Amino acid sequence: MDQHVPRAITVGLRLRGIDVITAYEDGASEFQDPALLDRASALDRVLFTRDDDLLAEARRRQREGISFVGLIYAHQLRVSIGACIRDLEIIATAGESDDLLNSVLFLPL
């Protein structure tokens, strides 16, 4: 989870048994977007964001062929917290991080 994700989403996923780490917990909350995507890749974790700038960084990497582990994006105003929790739980239980390699997945599903 990047620093723009509401705590309620993290808590909701953890209550469902989903292994989640936040940028704050990892000490990466002050990282710029490129470094945050690099850190997620180093941890082999798909990154979830509601930040348009991070979405732009992922698109740049796709254009330039720069590898990243994957990004899941939900618009802050158009996708509810409940929908994020539901969809992220499905993604976490149905797949592997490699499924989203160099990809951006948009919520809602």
Protein backbone atom coordinates (compact mmCIF):
# COMPACT_ATOMS: atom_id res chain seq x y z
CA MET A 1 0.00 0.00 0.00
CA ASP A 2 1.36 3.40 -0.85
CA GLN A 3 0.97 6.36 1.48
CA HIS A 4 -2.23 7.53 -0.25
CA VAL A 5 -4.27 4.45 0.68
CA PRO A 6 -6.78 4.95 3.50
CA ARG A 7 -6.05 2.91 6.61
CA ALA A 8 -9.54 1.38 6.41
CA ILE A 9 -8.53 -0.53 3.28
CA THR A 10 -5.43 -1.96 4.96
CA VAL A 11 -7.39 -2.93 8.08
CA GLY A 12 -10.21 -4.44 6.03
CA LEU A 13 -7.80 -6.65 4.11
CA ARG A 14 -5.95 -7.74 7.24
CA LEU A 15 -9.24 -8.71 8.88
CA ARG A 16 -9.74 -11.00 5.89
CA GLY A 17 -6.32 -12.59 6.37
CA ILE A 18 -4.57 -10.80 3.50
CA ASP A 19 -0.86 -10.10 4.00
CA VAL A 20 -0.43 -6.36 3.48
CA ILE A 21 2.45 -3.98 4.16
CA THR A 22 2.15 -0.22 3.99
CA ALA A 23 4.74 2.25 2.81
CA TYR A 24 4.73 3.71 6.33
CA GLU A 25 5.46 0.34 7.93
CA ASP A 26 8.24 -0.32 5.44
CA GLY A 27 9.85 3.07 5.99
CA ALA A 28 9.12 4.02 2.38
CA SER A 29 6.42 6.64 2.89
CA GLU A 30 8.73 9.48 1.85
CA PHE A 31 10.00 7.71 -1.27
CA GLN A 32 9.37 9.32 -4.64
CA ASP A 33 7.20 7.26 -7.00
CA PRO A 34 10.06 5.58 -8.93
CA ALA A 35 11.73 4.48 -5.69
CA LEU A 36 8.42 3.25 -4.28
CA LEU A 37 7.82 1.03 -7.32
CA ASP A 38 11.41 -0.21 -7.08
CA ARG A 39 10.91 -1.03 -3.39
CA ALA A 40 7.70 -2.96 -4.12
CA SER A 41 9.55 -4.90 -6.80
CA ALA A 42 12.41 -5.67 -4.40
CA LEU A 43 9.86 -7.05 -1.94
CA ASP A 44 8.10 -8.97 -4.77
CA ARG A 45 4.82 -7.26 -3.87
CA VAL A 46 2.30 -5.69 -6.16
CA LEU A 47 1.72 -2.06 -5.20
CA PHE A 48 -1.78 -0.65 -4.62
CA THR A 49 -2.32 3.07 -5.05
CA ARG A 50 -4.96 5.74 -5.43
CA ASP A 51 -2.35 8.25 -6.64
CA ASP A 52 -2.51 9.45 -10.25
CA ASP A 53 1.20 10.33 -10.26
CA LEU A 54 2.18 6.76 -9.41
CA LEU A 55 -0.08 5.56 -12.20
CA ALA A 56 1.80 7.89 -14.56
CA GLU A 57 5.13 6.42 -13.38
CA ALA A 58 3.92 2.88 -14.12
CA ARG A 59 2.80 3.94 -17.59
CA ARG A 60 6.20 5.54 -18.20
CA ARG A 61 7.90 2.30 -17.24
CA GLN A 62 5.66 0.35 -19.60
CA ARG A 63 6.54 2.70 -22.49
CA GLU A 64 10.26 2.55 -21.75
CA GLY A 65 10.41 -1.18 -21.02
CA ILE A 66 11.44 -0.74 -17.38
CA SER A 67 10.32 -3.73 -15.34
CA PHE A 68 8.15 -3.43 -12.22
CA VAL A 69 6.25 -5.99 -10.19
CA GLY A 70 2.80 -4.56 -10.96
CA LEU A 71 0.44 -1.80 -9.90
CA ILE A 72 -3.20 -1.84 -8.89
CA TYR A 73 -4.96 1.52 -9.17
CA ALA A 74 -8.29 2.77 -7.87
CA HIS A 75 -9.47 6.35 -8.35
CA GLN A 76 -9.90 8.15 -5.02
CA LEU A 77 -13.38 9.48 -5.74
CA ARG A 78 -14.84 6.81 -8.02
CA VAL A 79 -14.02 3.56 -6.18
CA SER A 80 -15.30 3.07 -2.63
CA ILE A 81 -13.26 1.67 0.22
CA GLY A 82 -15.53 -1.38 0.33
CA ALA A 83 -15.05 -2.04 -3.38
CA CYS A 84 -11.27 -1.75 -2.98
CA ILE A 85 -11.26 -4.25 -0.13
CA ARG A 86 -13.48 -6.70 -2.02
CA ASP A 87 -11.50 -6.55 -5.25
CA LEU A 88 -8.07 -6.58 -3.59
CA GLU A 89 -9.08 -9.67 -1.61
CA ILE A 90 -10.06 -11.43 -4.84
CA ILE A 91 -6.77 -10.49 -6.49
CA ALA A 92 -4.70 -11.55 -3.47
CA THR A 93 -6.38 -14.93 -3.13
CA ALA A 94 -6.73 -15.79 -6.81
CA GLY A 95 -3.30 -15.00 -8.18
CA GLU A 96 0.41 -14.51 -7.75
CA SER A 97 2.43 -11.30 -7.95
CA ASP A 98 3.94 -12.49 -11.27
CA ASP A 99 0.46 -12.32 -12.80
CA LEU A 100 0.70 -8.53 -12.81
CA LEU A 101 4.35 -8.18 -13.84
CA ASN A 102 4.78 -4.90 -15.76
CA SER A 103 1.01 -4.38 -15.70
CA VAL A 104 -1.50 -1.93 -14.30
CA LEU A 105 -4.82 -3.28 -13.09
CA PHE A 106 -7.68 -0.85 -12.57
CA LEU A 107 -10.35 -1.23 -9.89
CA PRO A 108 -13.19 -1.94 -9.77
CA LEU A 109 -12.78 -5.33 -11.42
